[in-house]
Amino acid sequence: FYAVAPDLYYGKTTADPAQAAKLKQQMTEEAALNAEKAGLDLLSEEARNGVVDAHRVGVIGWCMGGEQALILATLDKRIHATAIFYGPLLDNPARLRAIDGRVLGIFGNQDKNPSPHQVNSWFAAMKTAGHNDVTIYQYDGVGHAFASKSSAKTGAYNAAKAKEANAKMWEWLDAKLLK
């Protein structure tokens, strides 16, 4: 895999959830999309140079990044697979219809955002939007940020389920993008 990670916080990083929330509030959707599209532009350039296969471009996001991945997938046809870990979900079928690729969602059943009900509604909206290649994994006993090592200090991180979920994501990406 060839990876690009757009900097949505202008060089600022944190493992503190409260500080991360402040950084997110400072981020505009327009600026985030510009950074994300710049990453896709880089991949497109690498495709022209023969380094990347343009038909095998995917996007991955955790939490807010999952939401950003979905938003980007609705706006850019260069994305052929979208993998999200929890995070706010788009559930407007008209907007979801614009996604041109496969989608994977990984969620904890004790999460409140998105809750299992919201995940089910999102899955139904994806089906209504005409997406038949949607895979969902839901894990019992974990909630939001269960796959994030930085959430260990809040007790949300679950190493075993994170390992399993990450393995499922890589298997899914292999199946969907490396054909």
C-alpha atoms as a PDB file:
ATOM      1  CA  PHE A   1       0.000   0.000   0.000  1.00  0.00           C
ATOM      2  CA  TYR A   2       1.020   3.583  -0.654  1.00  0.00           C
ATOM      3  CA  ALA A   3      -0.399   5.964   1.971  1.00  0.00           C
ATOM      4  CA  VAL A   4      -1.052   9.686   2.164  1.00  0.00           C
ATOM      5  CA  ALA A   5      -2.171  11.275   5.444  1.00  0.00           C
ATOM      6  CA  PRO A   6      -3.482  14.818   4.986  1.00  0.00           C
ATOM      7  CA  ASP A   7      -2.723  17.234   7.797  1.00  0.00           C
ATOM      8  CA  LEU A   8      -6.118  18.556   8.869  1.00  0.00           C
ATOM      9  CA  TYR A   9      -4.769  20.379  11.936  1.00  0.00           C
ATOM     10  CA  TYR A  10      -1.882  22.319  10.370  1.00  0.00           C
ATOM     11  CA  GLY A  11       0.884  20.438  12.133  1.00  0.00           C
ATOM     12  CA  LYS A  12      -0.775  20.240  15.544  1.00  0.00           C
ATOM     13  CA  THR A  13      -1.161  16.828  17.172  1.00  0.00           C
ATOM     14  CA  THR A  14      -2.580  15.579  20.436  1.00  0.00           C
ATOM     15  CA  ALA A  15      -3.600  12.395  22.212  1.00  0.00           C
ATOM     16  CA  ASP A  16      -5.865  14.383  24.557  1.00  0.00           C
ATOM     17  CA  PRO A  17      -9.544  14.026  23.573  1.00  0.00           C
ATOM     18  CA  ALA A  18     -10.437  17.524  24.842  1.00  0.00           C
ATOM     19  CA  GLN A  19      -7.628  19.119  22.833  1.00  0.00           C
ATOM     20  CA  ALA A  20      -8.586  17.021  19.796  1.00  0.00           C
ATOM     21  CA  ALA A  21     -12.150  18.370  20.074  1.00  0.00           C
ATOM     22  CA  LYS A  22     -10.783  21.928  20.085  1.00  0.00           C
ATOM     23  CA  LEU A  23      -8.661  21.216  17.017  1.00  0.00           C
ATOM     24  CA  LYS A  24     -11.680  19.733  15.246  1.00  0.00           C
ATOM     25  CA  GLN A  25     -13.740  22.848  16.030  1.00  0.00           C
ATOM     26  CA  GLN A  26     -11.054  24.982  14.386  1.00  0.00           C
ATOM     27  CA  MET A  27     -11.090  22.825  11.252  1.00  0.00           C
ATOM     28  CA  THR A  28     -13.430  23.822   8.447  1.00  0.00           C
ATOM     29  CA  GLU A  29     -14.938  21.216   6.141  1.00  0.00           C
ATOM     30  CA  GLU A  30     -13.661  23.196   3.149  1.00  0.00           C
ATOM     31  CA  ALA A  31     -10.068  23.219   4.430  1.00  0.00           C
ATOM     32  CA  ALA A  32     -10.255  19.515   5.308  1.00  0.00           C
ATOM     33  CA  LEU A  33     -11.592  18.620   1.867  1.00  0.00           C
ATOM     34  CA  ASN A  34      -8.887  20.728   0.205  1.00  0.00           C
ATOM     35  CA  ALA A  35      -6.186  18.858   2.155  1.00  0.00           C
ATOM     36  CA  GLU A  36      -7.797  15.496   1.405  1.00  0.00           C
ATOM     37  CA  LYS A  37      -8.172  16.266  -2.299  1.00  0.00           C
ATOM     38  CA  ALA A  38      -4.530  17.392  -2.379  1.00  0.00           C
ATOM     39  CA  GLY A  39      -3.663  13.913  -1.094  1.00  0.00           C
ATOM     40  CA  LEU A  40      -5.744  12.365  -3.871  1.00  0.00           C
ATOM     41  CA  ASP A  41      -4.046  14.672  -6.370  1.00  0.00           C
ATOM     42  CA  LEU A  42      -0.695  13.336  -5.161  1.00  0.00           C
ATOM     43  CA  LEU A  43      -1.919   9.775  -5.659  1.00  0.00           C
ATOM     44  CA  SER A  44      -3.177  10.695  -9.125  1.00  0.00           C
ATOM     45  CA  GLU A  45       0.255  12.110  -9.963  1.00  0.00           C
ATOM     46  CA  GLU A  46       1.868   8.919  -8.689  1.00  0.00           C
ATOM     47  CA  ALA A  47      -0.580   6.941 -10.858  1.00  0.00           C
ATOM     48  CA  ARG A  48       0.536   8.896 -13.915  1.00  0.00           C
ATOM     49  CA  ASN A  49       4.126   8.025 -12.950  1.00  0.00           C
ATOM     50  CA  GLY A  50       3.225   4.328 -12.694  1.00  0.00           C
ATOM     51  CA  VAL A  51       3.762   4.144  -8.913  1.00  0.00           C
ATOM     52  CA  VAL A  52       0.069   3.820  -7.949  1.00  0.00           C
ATOM     53  CA  ASP A  53      -2.788   2.040  -9.696  1.00  0.00           C
ATOM     54  CA  ALA A  54      -5.504   4.693  -9.967  1.00  0.00           C
ATOM     55  CA  HIS A  55      -8.186   1.968  -9.824  1.00  0.00           C
ATOM     56  CA  ARG A  56      -6.944   0.825  -6.426  1.00  0.00           C
ATOM     57  CA  VAL A  57      -7.313   4.008  -4.370  1.00  0.00           C
ATOM     58  CA  GLY A  58      -9.056   3.802  -1.026  1.00  0.00           C
ATOM     59  CA  VAL A  59      -9.587   6.017   1.981  1.00  0.00           C
ATOM     60  CA  ILE A  60      -9.539   5.046   5.673  1.00  0.00           C
ATOM     61  CA  GLY A  61     -10.744   7.084   8.630  1.00  0.00           C
ATOM     62  CA  TRP A  62     -11.250   6.725  12.359  1.00  0.00           C
ATOM     63  CA  CYS A  63     -13.838   8.746  14.284  1.00  0.00           C
ATOM     64  CA  MET A  64     -13.992  12.220  12.698  1.00  0.00           C
ATOM     65  CA  GLY A  65     -11.700  10.815  10.029  1.00  0.00           C
ATOM     66  CA  GLY A  66     -14.339   8.196   9.239  1.00  0.00           C
ATOM     67  CA  GLU A  67     -16.878  10.937   8.667  1.00  0.00           C
ATOM     68  CA  GLN A  68     -14.344  12.823   6.525  1.00  0.00           C
ATOM     69  CA  ALA A  69     -13.649   9.647   4.537  1.00  0.00           C
ATOM     70  CA  LEU A  70     -17.358   9.255   3.774  1.00  0.00           C
ATOM     71  CA  ILE A  71     -17.708  12.913   2.822  1.00  0.00           C
ATOM     72  CA  LEU A  72     -14.685  12.690   0.529  1.00  0.00           C
ATOM     73  CA  ALA A  73     -16.014   9.492  -1.046  1.00  0.00           C
ATOM     74  CA  THR A  74     -19.260  11.287  -1.915  1.00  0.00           C
ATOM     75  CA  LEU A  75     -17.321  14.054  -3.671  1.00  0.00           C
ATOM     76  CA  ASP A  76     -14.464  12.321  -5.465  1.00  0.00           C
ATOM     77  CA  LYS A  77     -14.809   9.445  -7.929  1.00  0.00           C
ATOM     78  CA  ARG A  78     -11.123   8.551  -7.580  1.00  0.00           C
ATOM     79  CA  ILE A  79     -11.960   6.638  -4.392  1.00  0.00           C
ATOM     80  CA  HIS A  80     -12.797   2.987  -5.001  1.00  0.00           C
ATOM     81  CA  ALA A  81     -13.002   1.761  -1.391  1.00  0.00           C
ATOM     82  CA  THR A  82     -13.841   3.541   1.868  1.00  0.00           C
ATOM     83  CA  ALA A  83     -13.109   2.023   5.287  1.00  0.00           C
ATOM     84  CA  ILE A  84     -14.406   3.758   8.392  1.00  0.00           C
ATOM     85  CA  PHE A  85     -14.039   3.085  12.094  1.00  0.00           C
ATOM     86  CA  TYR A  86     -16.941   4.563  14.081  1.00  0.00           C
ATOM     87  CA  GLY A  87     -17.557   8.290  13.850  1.00  0.00           C
ATOM     88  CA  PRO A  88     -20.524  10.325  12.656  1.00  0.00           C
ATOM     89  CA  LEU A  89     -22.325   8.782   9.691  1.00  0.00           C
ATOM     90  CA  LEU A  90     -23.918  10.343   6.640  1.00  0.00           C
ATOM     91  CA  ASP A  91     -27.386   8.885   6.186  1.00  0.00           C
ATOM     92  CA  ASN A  92     -28.814  10.882   3.293  1.00  0.00           C
ATOM     93  CA  PRO A  93     -29.329   8.332   0.472  1.00  0.00           C
ATOM     94  CA  ALA A  94     -29.130  11.060  -2.186  1.00  0.00           C
ATOM     95  CA  ARG A  95     -25.690  12.086  -0.931  1.00  0.00           C
ATOM     96  CA  LEU A  96     -24.558   8.493  -0.350  1.00  0.00           C
ATOM     97  CA  ARG A  97     -25.544   7.617  -3.919  1.00  0.00           C
ATOM     98  CA  ALA A  98     -22.501   9.637  -5.062  1.00  0.00           C
ATOM     99  CA  ILE A  99     -20.074   7.146  -3.486  1.00  0.00           C
ATOM    100  CA  ASP A 100     -18.390   5.220  -6.278  1.00  0.00           C
ATOM    101  CA  GLY A 101     -16.965   2.216  -4.546  1.00  0.00           C
ATOM    102  CA  ARG A 102     -17.112  -0.298  -1.792  1.00  0.00           C
ATOM    103  CA  VAL A 103     -17.589   0.634   1.865  1.00  0.00           C
ATOM    104  CA  LEU A 104     -16.513  -1.010   5.126  1.00  0.00           C
ATOM    105  CA  GLY A 105     -17.784   0.123   8.519  1.00  0.00           C
ATOM    106  CA  ILE A 106     -16.356  -1.046  11.862  1.00  0.00           C
ATOM    107  CA  PHE A 107     -18.256  -0.145  15.019  1.00  0.00           C
ATOM    108  CA  GLY A 108     -18.536  -0.888  18.720  1.00  0.00           C
ATOM    109  CA  ASN A 109     -21.978  -1.876  19.956  1.00  0.00           C
ATOM    110  CA  GLN A 110     -21.586   0.209  23.116  1.00  0.00           C
ATOM    111  CA  ASP A 111     -20.860   3.359  21.098  1.00  0.00           C
ATOM    112  CA  LYS A 112     -23.291   6.252  21.363  1.00  0.00           C
ATOM    113  CA  ASN A 113     -22.011   8.065  18.249  1.00  0.00           C
ATOM    114  CA  PRO A 114     -22.790   6.154  16.193  1.00  0.00           C
ATOM    115  CA  SER A 115     -25.096   3.937  18.180  1.00  0.00           C
ATOM    116  CA  PRO A 116     -26.018   0.495  16.840  1.00  0.00           C
ATOM    117  CA  HIS A 117     -29.366   2.009  15.790  1.00  0.00           C
ATOM    118  CA  GLN A 118     -27.548   4.737  13.837  1.00  0.00           C
ATOM    119  CA  VAL A 119     -25.316   2.104  12.219  1.00  0.00           C
ATOM    120  CA  ASN A 120     -28.393   0.133  11.147  1.00  0.00           C
ATOM    121  CA  SER A 121     -30.006   3.303   9.761  1.00  0.00           C
ATOM    122  CA  TRP A 122     -26.818   4.129   7.870  1.00  0.00           C
ATOM    123  CA  PHE A 123     -26.631   0.611   6.447  1.00  0.00           C
ATOM    124  CA  ALA A 124     -30.254   0.907   5.295  1.00  0.00           C
ATOM    125  CA  ALA A 125     -29.491   4.319   3.751  1.00  0.00           C
ATOM    126  CA  MET A 126     -26.510   2.813   1.909  1.00  0.00           C
ATOM    127  CA  LYS A 127     -28.778   0.083   0.526  1.00  0.00           C
ATOM    128  CA  THR A 128     -31.416   2.667  -0.441  1.00  0.00           C
ATOM    129  CA  ALA A 129     -28.643   4.588  -2.227  1.00  0.00           C
ATOM    130  CA  GLY A 130     -27.963   1.474  -4.299  1.00  0.00           C
ATOM    131  CA  HIS A 131     -24.794   0.250  -2.604  1.00  0.00           C
ATOM    132  CA  ASN A 132     -24.641  -3.527  -2.457  1.00  0.00           C
ATOM    133  CA  ASP A 133     -20.969  -3.834  -1.548  1.00  0.00           C
ATOM    134  CA  VAL A 134     -21.155  -2.623   2.056  1.00  0.00           C
ATOM    135  CA  THR A 135     -19.551  -4.667   4.831  1.00  0.00           C
ATOM    136  CA  ILE A 136     -20.175  -3.956   8.500  1.00  0.00           C
ATOM    137  CA  TYR A 137     -18.472  -5.410  11.547  1.00  0.00           C
ATOM    138  CA  GLN A 138     -19.959  -4.633  14.941  1.00  0.00           C
ATOM    139  CA  TYR A 139     -18.119  -5.568  18.119  1.00  0.00           C
ATOM    140  CA  ASP A 140     -19.820  -6.347  21.399  1.00  0.00           C
ATOM    141  CA  GLY A 141     -18.349  -5.042  24.628  1.00  0.00           C
ATOM    142  CA  VAL A 142     -16.632  -1.988  23.139  1.00  0.00           C
ATOM    143  CA  GLY A 143     -17.627   1.542  22.350  1.00  0.00           C
ATOM    144  CA  HIS A 144     -16.218   4.562  20.606  1.00  0.00           C
ATOM    145  CA  ALA A 145     -12.467   4.640  19.889  1.00  0.00           C
ATOM    146  CA  PHE A 146     -11.967   0.989  20.847  1.00  0.00           C
ATOM    147  CA  ALA A 147      -9.297   0.622  18.148  1.00  0.00           C
ATOM    148  CA  SER A 148      -7.315   3.734  19.137  1.00  0.00           C
ATOM    149  CA  LYS A 149      -4.289   3.189  21.371  1.00  0.00           C
ATOM    150  CA  SER A 150      -4.501   6.830  22.400  1.00  0.00           C
ATOM    151  CA  SER A 151      -7.881   6.076  24.008  1.00  0.00           C
ATOM    152  CA  ALA A 152      -6.270   3.634  26.453  1.00  0.00           C
ATOM    153  CA  LYS A 153      -6.084   6.336  29.124  1.00  0.00           C
ATOM    154  CA  THR A 154      -9.871   6.744  28.959  1.00  0.00           C
ATOM    155  CA  GLY A 155     -10.416   2.976  29.095  1.00  0.00           C
ATOM    156  CA  ALA A 156     -11.920   2.793  25.605  1.00  0.00           C
ATOM    157  CA  TYR A 157      -9.064   0.940  23.894  1.00  0.00           C
ATOM    158  CA  ASN A 158      -9.472  -2.812  23.543  1.00  0.00           C
ATOM    159  CA  ALA A 159      -6.244  -4.321  22.198  1.00  0.00           C
ATOM    160  CA  ALA A 160      -7.729  -7.682  21.221  1.00  0.00           C
ATOM    161  CA  LYS A 161     -10.718  -6.260  19.370  1.00  0.00           C
ATOM    162  CA  ALA A 162      -8.579  -3.514  17.824  1.00  0.00           C
ATOM    163  CA  LYS A 163      -6.207  -6.157  16.471  1.00  0.00           C
ATOM    164  CA  GLU A 164      -9.113  -8.173  15.075  1.00  0.00           C
ATOM    165  CA  ALA A 165     -10.797  -5.110  13.552  1.00  0.00           C
ATOM    166  CA  ASN A 166      -7.568  -3.885  11.972  1.00  0.00           C
ATOM    167  CA  ALA A 167      -6.906  -7.344  10.531  1.00  0.00           C
ATOM    168  CA  LYS A 168     -10.416  -7.387   9.056  1.00  0.00           C
ATOM    169  CA  MET A 169      -9.826  -3.951   7.529  1.00  0.00           C
ATOM    170  CA  TRP A 170      -6.558  -5.022   5.883  1.00  0.00           C
ATOM    171  CA  GLU A 171      -8.167  -8.253   4.599  1.00  0.00           C
ATOM    172  CA  TRP A 172     -11.059  -6.210   3.212  1.00  0.00           C
ATOM    173  CA  LEU A 173      -8.714  -3.727   1.530  1.00  0.00           C
ATOM    174  CA  ASP A 174      -6.717  -6.598   0.047  1.00  0.00           C
ATOM    175  CA  ALA A 175      -9.908  -8.111  -1.338  1.00  0.00           C
ATOM    176  CA  LYS A 176     -11.361  -4.860  -2.643  1.00  0.00           C
ATOM    177  CA  LEU A 177      -8.291  -3.010  -3.916  1.00  0.00           C
ATOM    178  CA  LEU A 178      -5.601  -5.541  -4.734  1.00  0.00           C
ATOM    179  CA  LYS A 179      -7.497  -7.530  -7.332  1.00  0.00           C
END
